Amino acid sequence: MRHTIAVLVENEFGVLSRVAGLFSGRGFNIDSLSVAPTNDEDMSRMTIVTRGDEQILEQITKHLNKLIDIIKVIDFTDETAIEREMALIKVTAEDAARAEVLRIVDIFRAKVIDTTPKSFTVEVTGAPSKIDAILDLLRPLGLKELVRTGSVAIGRGAKGWKG
């Protein structure tokens, strides 16, 4: 099962290394990891996507909470949360495929951010399932390169670090 975990940490040197070391040291894989400062410059927020059953998630959460630099851990797996990801996709766009690529881009409300006579670079933002869906359609047309940010998530409504 896929799990999205938000971790509020002290914005200090070595915290990312300790969190990544916790995962690798226990044989847990990180599917994606996004880290950035919060509105409080003394704190950063990590969004970690991992896979495993409930027992593995419980172990991860307990081990994270033991780290000294961790302020709070929220598992968004069963919560109502807004989750987004961004992808930059370079796709072959020869004469015959150009119209099809533009049609797919329009359907997914993506943007063409660069064009050459033989390719388009597309920017798409949305839930990870949306990114997967556009990739499924663009792949047969000639996917040349792909960069994904990894997920970020935030609780809906009043739910948050203080709520």
N, C-alpha and C. Protein backbone atom coordinates (compact mmCIF):
# COMPACT_ATOMS: atom_id res chain seq x y z
N MET A 1 0.83 -1.19 0.00
CA MET A 1 0.00 0.00 0.00
C MET A 1 0.88 1.25 0.00
N ARG A 2 0.43 2.28 -0.71
CA ARG A 2 1.16 3.54 -0.81
C ARG A 2 0.81 4.43 0.38
N HIS A 3 1.83 5.04 0.99
CA HIS A 3 1.63 5.92 2.14
C HIS A 3 2.30 7.26 1.89
N THR A 4 1.58 8.34 2.20
CA THR A 4 2.14 9.69 2.12
C THR A 4 2.27 10.21 3.54
N ILE A 5 3.50 10.55 3.91
CA ILE A 5 3.79 10.98 5.28
C ILE A 5 4.38 12.38 5.25
N ALA A 6 3.82 13.30 6.03
CA ALA A 6 4.38 14.64 6.18
C ALA A 6 5.13 14.68 7.50
N VAL A 7 6.34 15.23 7.46
CA VAL A 7 7.18 15.29 8.66
C VAL A 7 7.65 16.72 8.85
N LEU A 8 7.29 17.33 9.97
CA LEU A 8 7.76 18.66 10.32
C LEU A 8 9.04 18.48 11.12
N VAL A 9 10.12 19.12 10.65
CA VAL A 9 11.43 18.93 11.28
C VAL A 9 12.07 20.27 11.56
N GLU A 10 13.05 20.26 12.47
CA GLU A 10 13.85 21.45 12.70
C GLU A 10 14.72 21.66 11.47
N ASN A 11 14.81 22.90 11.03
CA ASN A 11 15.57 23.24 9.83
C ASN A 11 17.05 23.34 10.20
N GLU A 12 17.68 22.17 10.31
CA GLU A 12 19.08 22.11 10.73
C GLU A 12 19.86 21.16 9.85
N PHE A 13 21.16 21.38 9.83
CA PHE A 13 22.07 20.55 9.07
C PHE A 13 21.97 19.08 9.51
N GLY A 14 21.89 18.15 8.56
CA GLY A 14 21.94 16.73 8.84
C GLY A 14 20.60 16.05 9.07
N VAL A 15 19.51 16.80 9.17
CA VAL A 15 18.20 16.19 9.45
C VAL A 15 17.78 15.29 8.30
N LEU A 16 17.93 15.77 7.08
CA LEU A 16 17.56 14.97 5.91
C LEU A 16 18.36 13.67 5.88
N SER A 17 19.62 13.76 6.18
CA SER A 17 20.48 12.57 6.19
C SER A 17 20.02 11.56 7.24
N ARG A 18 19.65 12.04 8.41
CA ARG A 18 19.19 11.14 9.47
C ARG A 18 17.87 10.46 9.10
N VAL A 19 16.96 11.21 8.48
CA VAL A 19 15.68 10.62 8.08
C VAL A 19 15.90 9.59 6.97
N ALA A 20 16.70 9.94 5.97
CA ALA A 20 16.99 8.99 4.88
C ALA A 20 17.72 7.77 5.43
N GLY A 21 18.62 7.97 6.38
CA GLY A 21 19.35 6.86 7.01
C GLY A 21 18.43 5.94 7.78
N LEU A 22 17.41 6.51 8.42
CA LEU A 22 16.43 5.69 9.13
C LEU A 22 15.74 4.74 8.17
N PHE A 23 15.34 5.25 7.01
CA PHE A 23 14.66 4.41 6.02
C PHE A 23 15.60 3.33 5.48
N SER A 24 16.78 3.73 5.05
CA SER A 24 17.69 2.75 4.43
C SER A 24 18.21 1.75 5.45
N GLY A 25 18.43 2.19 6.67
CA GLY A 25 18.95 1.30 7.70
C GLY A 25 17.98 0.19 8.10
N ARG A 26 16.71 0.42 7.85
CA ARG A 26 15.70 -0.57 8.20
C ARG A 26 15.11 -1.25 6.96
N GLY A 27 15.69 -0.96 5.81
CA GLY A 27 15.25 -1.62 4.57
C GLY A 27 13.94 -1.10 4.01
N PHE A 28 13.55 0.13 4.37
CA PHE A 28 12.35 0.74 3.82
C PHE A 28 12.74 1.58 2.62
N ASN A 29 11.94 1.53 1.56
CA ASN A 29 12.24 2.31 0.37
C ASN A 29 11.46 3.62 0.39
N ILE A 30 12.06 4.67 -0.15
CA ILE A 30 11.39 5.95 -0.33
C ILE A 30 11.06 6.07 -1.81
N ASP A 31 9.76 6.15 -2.14
CA ASP A 31 9.35 6.35 -3.53
C ASP A 31 9.61 7.78 -3.98
N SER A 32 9.29 8.74 -3.12
CA SER A 32 9.62 10.14 -3.40
C SER A 32 9.82 10.89 -2.10
N LEU A 33 10.59 11.97 -2.19
CA LEU A 33 10.92 12.77 -1.02
C LEU A 33 11.00 14.22 -1.47
N SER A 34 10.25 15.08 -0.81
CA SER A 34 10.26 16.51 -1.10
C SER A 34 10.51 17.24 0.21
N VAL A 35 11.46 18.18 0.19
CA VAL A 35 11.80 18.92 1.41
C VAL A 35 11.91 20.40 1.08
N ALA A 36 11.30 21.23 1.93
CA ALA A 36 11.40 22.68 1.75
C ALA A 36 11.10 23.37 3.07
N PRO A 37 11.57 24.61 3.23
CA PRO A 37 11.25 25.37 4.44
C PRO A 37 9.75 25.65 4.52
N THR A 38 9.27 25.92 5.72
CA THR A 38 7.86 26.27 5.95
C THR A 38 7.75 27.77 6.13
N ASN A 39 6.58 28.23 6.54
CA ASN A 39 6.40 29.65 6.84
C ASN A 39 7.20 30.07 8.07
N ASP A 40 7.66 29.13 8.88
CA ASP A 40 8.55 29.38 10.01
C ASP A 40 9.95 28.96 9.58
N GLU A 41 10.86 29.89 9.45
CA GLU A 41 12.19 29.58 8.91
C GLU A 41 13.00 28.62 9.77
N ASP A 42 12.56 28.36 10.98
CA ASP A 42 13.25 27.40 11.85
C ASP A 42 12.82 25.96 11.58
N MET A 43 11.81 25.78 10.72
CA MET A 43 11.29 24.44 10.44
C MET A 43 11.25 24.16 8.94
N SER A 44 11.39 22.90 8.60
CA SER A 44 11.21 22.43 7.23
C SER A 44 10.15 21.34 7.25
N ARG A 45 9.62 21.08 6.07
CA ARG A 45 8.60 20.04 5.95
C ARG A 45 9.06 19.03 4.90
N MET A 46 9.02 17.78 5.27
CA MET A 46 9.34 16.69 4.36
C MET A 46 8.04 15.99 4.01
N THR A 47 7.86 15.69 2.73
CA THR A 47 6.76 14.84 2.31
C THR A 47 7.40 13.59 1.75
N ILE A 48 7.13 12.47 2.39
CA ILE A 48 7.74 11.19 2.02
C ILE A 48 6.65 10.25 1.54
N VAL A 49 6.87 9.65 0.37
CA VAL A 49 5.96 8.63 -0.14
C VAL A 49 6.71 7.31 -0.07
N THR A 50 6.08 6.33 0.56
CA THR A 50 6.70 5.01 0.72
C THR A 50 5.62 3.95 0.53
N ARG A 51 6.04 2.71 0.51
CA ARG A 51 5.09 1.60 0.35
C ARG A 51 5.31 0.57 1.45
N GLY A 52 4.21 -0.05 1.86
CA GLY A 52 4.28 -1.09 2.87
C GLY A 52 2.93 -1.29 3.52
N ASP A 53 2.86 -2.32 4.33
CA ASP A 53 1.60 -2.58 5.03
C ASP A 53 1.50 -1.69 6.27
N GLU A 54 0.42 -1.83 7.01
CA GLU A 54 0.19 -1.00 8.19
C GLU A 54 1.28 -1.19 9.25
N GLN A 55 1.79 -2.40 9.38
CA GLN A 55 2.83 -2.67 10.37
C GLN A 55 4.11 -1.92 10.02
N ILE A 56 4.47 -1.90 8.75
CA ILE A 56 5.66 -1.17 8.32
C ILE A 56 5.47 0.32 8.55
N LEU A 57 4.29 0.84 8.21
CA LEU A 57 4.02 2.26 8.42
C LEU A 57 4.11 2.61 9.90
N GLU A 58 3.59 1.76 10.74
CA GLU A 58 3.66 2.00 12.18
C GLU A 58 5.12 2.05 12.65
N GLN A 59 5.95 1.13 12.16
CA GLN A 59 7.37 1.12 12.50
C GLN A 59 8.04 2.41 12.04
N ILE A 60 7.76 2.82 10.80
CA ILE A 60 8.36 4.05 10.26
C ILE A 60 7.98 5.24 11.14
N THR A 61 6.69 5.36 11.46
CA THR A 61 6.21 6.47 12.27
C THR A 61 6.86 6.48 13.65
N LYS A 62 6.95 5.34 14.30
CA LYS A 62 7.58 5.26 15.62
C LYS A 62 9.05 5.65 15.58
N HIS A 63 9.77 5.16 14.55
CA HIS A 63 11.19 5.49 14.43
C HIS A 63 11.40 6.97 14.10
N LEU A 64 10.53 7.53 13.26
CA LEU A 64 10.64 8.96 12.96
C LEU A 64 10.43 9.79 14.22
N ASN A 65 9.41 9.44 15.00
CA ASN A 65 9.12 10.20 16.22
C ASN A 65 10.24 10.13 17.25
N LYS A 66 11.11 9.12 17.17
CA LYS A 66 12.24 8.99 18.09
C LYS A 66 13.40 9.92 17.75
N LEU A 67 13.46 10.36 16.49
CA LEU A 67 14.55 11.25 16.09
C LEU A 67 14.39 12.60 16.76
N ILE A 68 15.48 13.14 17.24
CA ILE A 68 15.44 14.36 18.06
C ILE A 68 14.98 15.59 17.27
N ASP A 69 15.26 15.64 15.98
CA ASP A 69 14.92 16.82 15.18
C ASP A 69 13.49 16.80 14.63
N ILE A 70 12.75 15.74 14.89
CA ILE A 70 11.38 15.62 14.38
C ILE A 70 10.42 16.33 15.32
N ILE A 71 9.60 17.22 14.76
CA ILE A 71 8.61 17.93 15.56
C ILE A 71 7.27 17.21 15.52
N LYS A 72 6.84 16.80 14.32
CA LYS A 72 5.55 16.13 14.20
C LYS A 72 5.53 15.28 12.93
N VAL A 73 4.79 14.16 12.99
CA VAL A 73 4.62 13.27 11.85
C VAL A 73 3.12 13.10 11.60
N ILE A 74 2.70 13.28 10.35
CA ILE A 74 1.30 13.07 9.98
C ILE A 74 1.26 12.08 8.82
N ASP A 75 0.46 11.04 8.98
CA ASP A 75 0.24 10.07 7.91
C ASP A 75 -1.02 10.49 7.18
N PHE A 76 -0.88 10.87 5.91
CA PHE A 76 -2.03 11.30 5.13
C PHE A 76 -2.70 10.16 4.38
N THR A 77 -2.27 8.93 4.60
CA THR A 77 -2.80 7.81 3.85
C THR A 77 -4.31 7.66 4.01
N ASP A 78 -4.81 7.72 5.22
CA ASP A 78 -6.24 7.56 5.47
C ASP A 78 -6.95 8.88 5.69
N GLU A 79 -6.23 9.97 5.57
CA GLU A 79 -6.79 11.30 5.81
C GLU A 79 -7.26 11.92 4.49
N THR A 80 -8.11 12.90 4.61
CA THR A 80 -8.48 13.68 3.45
C THR A 80 -7.41 14.74 3.27
N ALA A 81 -6.65 14.61 2.21
CA ALA A 81 -5.55 15.54 1.96
C ALA A 81 -5.53 15.92 0.49
N ILE A 82 -4.88 17.02 0.22
CA ILE A 82 -4.64 17.45 -1.15
C ILE A 82 -3.20 17.07 -1.46
N GLU A 83 -3.03 16.26 -2.50
CA GLU A 83 -1.70 15.79 -2.87
C GLU A 83 -1.43 16.20 -4.31
N ARG A 84 -0.27 16.81 -4.56
CA ARG A 84 0.08 17.27 -5.90
C ARG A 84 1.53 16.92 -6.20
N GLU A 85 1.78 16.86 -7.51
CA GLU A 85 3.10 16.56 -8.02
C GLU A 85 3.24 17.33 -9.34
N MET A 86 4.46 17.63 -9.73
CA MET A 86 4.69 18.27 -11.01
C MET A 86 5.63 17.39 -11.83
N ALA A 87 5.41 17.39 -13.14
CA ALA A 87 6.30 16.65 -14.03
C ALA A 87 6.64 17.51 -15.23
N LEU A 88 7.88 17.39 -15.69
CA LEU A 88 8.31 17.95 -16.96
C LEU A 88 8.54 16.76 -17.88
N ILE A 89 7.88 16.77 -19.02
CA ILE A 89 7.89 15.63 -19.92
C ILE A 89 8.34 16.10 -21.30
N LYS A 90 9.42 15.52 -21.79
CA LYS A 90 9.86 15.81 -23.16
C LYS A 90 9.40 14.66 -24.03
N VAL A 91 8.61 15.01 -25.06
CA VAL A 91 7.99 14.00 -25.92
C VAL A 91 8.32 14.30 -27.38
N THR A 92 8.55 13.24 -28.13
CA THR A 92 8.78 13.39 -29.56
C THR A 92 7.53 13.97 -30.20
N ALA A 93 7.72 14.95 -31.06
CA ALA A 93 6.58 15.57 -31.72
C ALA A 93 6.91 15.79 -33.20
N GLU A 94 7.03 14.71 -33.91
CA GLU A 94 7.23 14.78 -35.36
C GLU A 94 5.92 15.23 -35.99
N ASP A 95 5.93 15.52 -37.26
CA ASP A 95 4.77 16.09 -37.95
C ASP A 95 3.44 15.41 -37.62
N ALA A 96 3.38 14.11 -37.75
CA ALA A 96 2.12 13.38 -37.57
C ALA A 96 1.63 13.40 -36.12
N ALA A 97 2.55 13.44 -35.16
CA ALA A 97 2.18 13.33 -33.75
C ALA A 97 1.95 14.68 -33.07
N ARG A 98 2.34 15.76 -33.70
CA ARG A 98 2.25 17.07 -33.04
C ARG A 98 0.82 17.40 -32.59
N ALA A 99 -0.14 17.20 -33.46
CA ALA A 99 -1.53 17.51 -33.11
C ALA A 99 -2.03 16.62 -31.98
N GLU A 100 -1.64 15.35 -31.99
CA GLU A 100 -2.06 14.41 -30.93
C GLU A 100 -1.47 14.83 -29.58
N VAL A 101 -0.19 15.21 -29.56
CA VAL A 101 0.44 15.66 -28.31
C VAL A 101 -0.29 16.89 -27.79
N LEU A 102 -0.57 17.86 -28.65
CA LEU A 102 -1.26 19.08 -28.22
C LEU A 102 -2.66 18.78 -27.71
N ARG A 103 -3.33 17.83 -28.30
CA ARG A 103 -4.68 17.44 -27.85
C ARG A 103 -4.61 16.84 -26.44
N ILE A 104 -3.65 15.95 -26.21
CA ILE A 104 -3.48 15.33 -24.89
C ILE A 104 -3.13 16.39 -23.85
N VAL A 105 -2.22 17.30 -24.20
CA VAL A 105 -1.83 18.39 -23.29
C VAL A 105 -3.05 19.22 -22.90
N ASP A 106 -3.90 19.53 -23.87
CA ASP A 106 -5.10 20.32 -23.61
C ASP A 106 -6.08 19.57 -22.69
N ILE A 107 -6.28 18.30 -22.94
CA ILE A 107 -7.20 17.50 -22.13
C ILE A 107 -6.78 17.48 -20.66
N PHE A 108 -5.47 17.41 -20.41
CA PHE A 108 -4.95 17.32 -19.04
C PHE A 108 -4.65 18.69 -18.43
N ARG A 109 -5.00 19.76 -19.15
CA ARG A 109 -4.73 21.12 -18.69
C ARG A 109 -3.25 21.31 -18.35
N ALA A 110 -2.42 20.70 -19.16
CA ALA A 110 -0.97 20.86 -19.02
C ALA A 110 -0.54 22.04 -19.89
N LYS A 111 0.76 22.33 -19.89
CA LYS A 111 1.27 23.45 -20.68
C LYS A 111 2.48 22.99 -21.48
N VAL A 112 2.55 23.41 -22.72
CA VAL A 112 3.77 23.23 -23.50
C VAL A 112 4.68 24.39 -23.12
N ILE A 113 5.85 24.08 -22.55
CA ILE A 113 6.74 25.14 -22.09
C ILE A 113 7.97 25.31 -22.99
N ASP A 114 8.16 24.37 -23.92
CA ASP A 114 9.24 24.50 -24.89
C ASP A 114 8.89 23.66 -26.11
N THR A 115 9.28 24.16 -27.26
CA THR A 115 9.00 23.43 -28.49
C THR A 115 10.19 23.54 -29.44
N THR A 116 10.45 22.46 -30.13
CA THR A 116 11.44 22.41 -31.20
C THR A 116 10.76 21.73 -32.38
N PRO A 117 11.39 21.71 -33.54
CA PRO A 117 10.76 21.03 -34.67
C PRO A 117 10.49 19.54 -34.44
N LYS A 118 11.20 18.93 -33.46
CA LYS A 118 11.03 17.49 -33.25
C LYS A 118 10.53 17.11 -31.87
N SER A 119 10.27 18.09 -30.98
CA SER A 119 9.81 17.73 -29.64
C SER A 119 9.03 18.85 -28.98
N PHE A 120 8.27 18.45 -27.97
CA PHE A 120 7.60 19.39 -27.06
C PHE A 120 8.09 19.04 -25.65
N THR A 121 8.23 20.06 -24.81
CA THR A 121 8.42 19.84 -23.38
C THR A 121 7.15 20.33 -22.70
N VAL A 122 6.56 19.45 -21.92
CA VAL A 122 5.25 19.68 -21.31
C VAL A 122 5.40 19.76 -19.80
N GLU A 123 4.69 20.70 -19.19
CA GLU A 123 4.62 20.80 -17.73
C GLU A 123 3.21 20.41 -17.31
N VAL A 124 3.11 19.47 -16.37
CA VAL A 124 1.80 19.06 -15.88
C VAL A 124 1.86 18.97 -14.35
N THR A 125 0.80 19.46 -13.72
CA THR A 125 0.70 19.45 -12.26
C THR A 125 -0.62 18.81 -11.87
N GLY A 126 -0.57 17.98 -10.83
CA GLY A 126 -1.81 17.37 -10.36
C GLY A 126 -1.53 16.20 -9.44
N ALA A 127 -2.57 15.47 -9.16
CA ALA A 127 -2.43 14.27 -8.33
C ALA A 127 -1.51 13.28 -9.07
N PRO A 128 -0.79 12.44 -8.32
CA PRO A 128 0.09 11.46 -8.97
C PRO A 128 -0.63 10.61 -10.01
N SER A 129 -1.89 10.30 -9.78
CA SER A 129 -2.65 9.50 -10.76
C SER A 129 -2.83 10.26 -12.07
N LYS A 130 -2.96 11.57 -12.01
CA LYS A 130 -3.07 12.39 -13.23
C LYS A 130 -1.76 12.35 -14.00
N ILE A 131 -0.64 12.45 -13.30
CA ILE A 131 0.68 12.40 -13.95
C ILE A 131 0.84 11.04 -14.63
N ASP A 132 0.47 9.98 -13.92
CA ASP A 132 0.57 8.63 -14.51
C ASP A 132 -0.30 8.50 -15.76
N ALA A 133 -1.49 9.08 -15.73
CA ALA A 133 -2.43 8.97 -16.85
C ALA A 133 -1.90 9.69 -18.10
N ILE A 134 -1.37 10.88 -17.94
CA ILE A 134 -0.85 11.59 -19.11
C ILE A 134 0.39 10.87 -19.66
N LEU A 135 1.19 10.32 -18.78
CA LEU A 135 2.36 9.56 -19.23
C LEU A 135 1.95 8.33 -20.04
N ASP A 136 0.89 7.66 -19.61
CA ASP A 136 0.39 6.49 -20.34
C ASP A 136 -0.01 6.85 -21.77
N LEU A 137 -0.55 8.06 -21.95
CA LEU A 137 -0.96 8.49 -23.28
C LEU A 137 0.20 9.00 -24.13
N LEU A 138 1.18 9.64 -23.47
CA LEU A 138 2.31 10.21 -24.22
C LEU A 138 3.39 9.18 -24.56
N ARG A 139 3.51 8.15 -23.74
CA ARG A 139 4.56 7.14 -23.94
C ARG A 139 4.58 6.55 -25.36
N PRO A 140 3.43 6.13 -25.89
CA PRO A 140 3.44 5.55 -27.25
C PRO A 140 3.86 6.54 -28.34
N LEU A 141 3.77 7.84 -28.05
CA LEU A 141 4.14 8.85 -29.03
C LEU A 141 5.64 9.12 -29.04
N GLY A 142 6.34 8.62 -28.03
CA GLY A 142 7.79 8.79 -27.99
C GLY A 142 8.27 9.65 -26.84
N LEU A 143 8.18 9.13 -25.64
CA LEU A 143 8.67 9.82 -24.45
C LEU A 143 10.20 9.86 -24.50
N LYS A 144 10.77 11.06 -24.46
CA LYS A 144 12.23 11.21 -24.55
C LYS A 144 12.89 11.39 -23.19
N GLU A 145 12.20 12.12 -22.31
CA GLU A 145 12.77 12.42 -21.00
C GLU A 145 11.65 12.77 -20.04
N LEU A 146 11.87 12.44 -18.76
CA LEU A 146 10.85 12.67 -17.73
C LEU A 146 11.52 13.08 -16.43
N VAL A 147 10.97 14.14 -15.81
CA VAL A 147 11.41 14.57 -14.49
C VAL A 147 10.16 14.79 -13.65
N ARG A 148 10.10 14.16 -12.47
CA ARG A 148 8.96 14.32 -11.55
C ARG A 148 9.47 14.87 -10.23
N THR A 149 8.67 15.74 -9.61
CA THR A 149 9.08 16.35 -8.35
C THR A 149 8.90 15.44 -7.15
N GLY A 150 7.98 14.52 -7.23
CA GLY A 150 7.56 13.80 -6.03
C GLY A 150 6.40 14.55 -5.42
N SER A 151 5.66 13.89 -4.59
CA SER A 151 4.43 14.45 -4.04
C SER A 151 4.68 15.44 -2.92
N VAL A 152 3.78 16.40 -2.81
CA VAL A 152 3.62 17.23 -1.63
C VAL A 152 2.16 17.11 -1.22
N ALA A 153 1.89 17.20 0.06
CA ALA A 153 0.52 17.02 0.54
C ALA A 153 0.23 17.98 1.68
N ILE A 154 -1.03 18.35 1.77
CA ILE A 154 -1.48 19.22 2.86
C ILE A 154 -2.89 18.78 3.24
N GLY A 155 -3.19 18.84 4.53
CA GLY A 155 -4.53 18.45 5.00
C GLY A 155 -5.58 19.42 4.48
N ARG A 156 -6.78 18.90 4.27
CA ARG A 156 -7.88 19.75 3.79
C ARG A 156 -8.49 20.53 4.95
N GLY A 157 -9.01 21.70 4.65
CA GLY A 157 -9.71 22.51 5.64
C GLY A 157 -8.83 22.93 6.78
N ALA A 158 -9.36 22.84 7.99
CA ALA A 158 -8.64 23.29 9.18
C ALA A 158 -7.57 22.31 9.64
N LYS A 159 -7.57 21.09 9.10
CA LYS A 159 -6.60 20.07 9.53
C LYS A 159 -5.19 20.55 9.18
N GLY A 160 -4.30 20.47 10.12
CA GLY A 160 -2.93 20.90 9.89
C GLY A 160 -2.06 20.58 11.08
N TRP A 161 -0.93 21.22 11.18
CA TRP A 161 0.03 20.95 12.24
C TRP A 161 -0.54 21.32 13.60
N LYS A 162 -1.35 22.34 13.66
CA LYS A 162 -1.85 22.80 14.95
C LYS A 162 -3.25 22.25 15.25
N GLY A 163 -3.96 21.75 14.19
CA GLY A 163 -5.36 21.34 14.35
C GLY A 163 -5.60 19.95 14.67
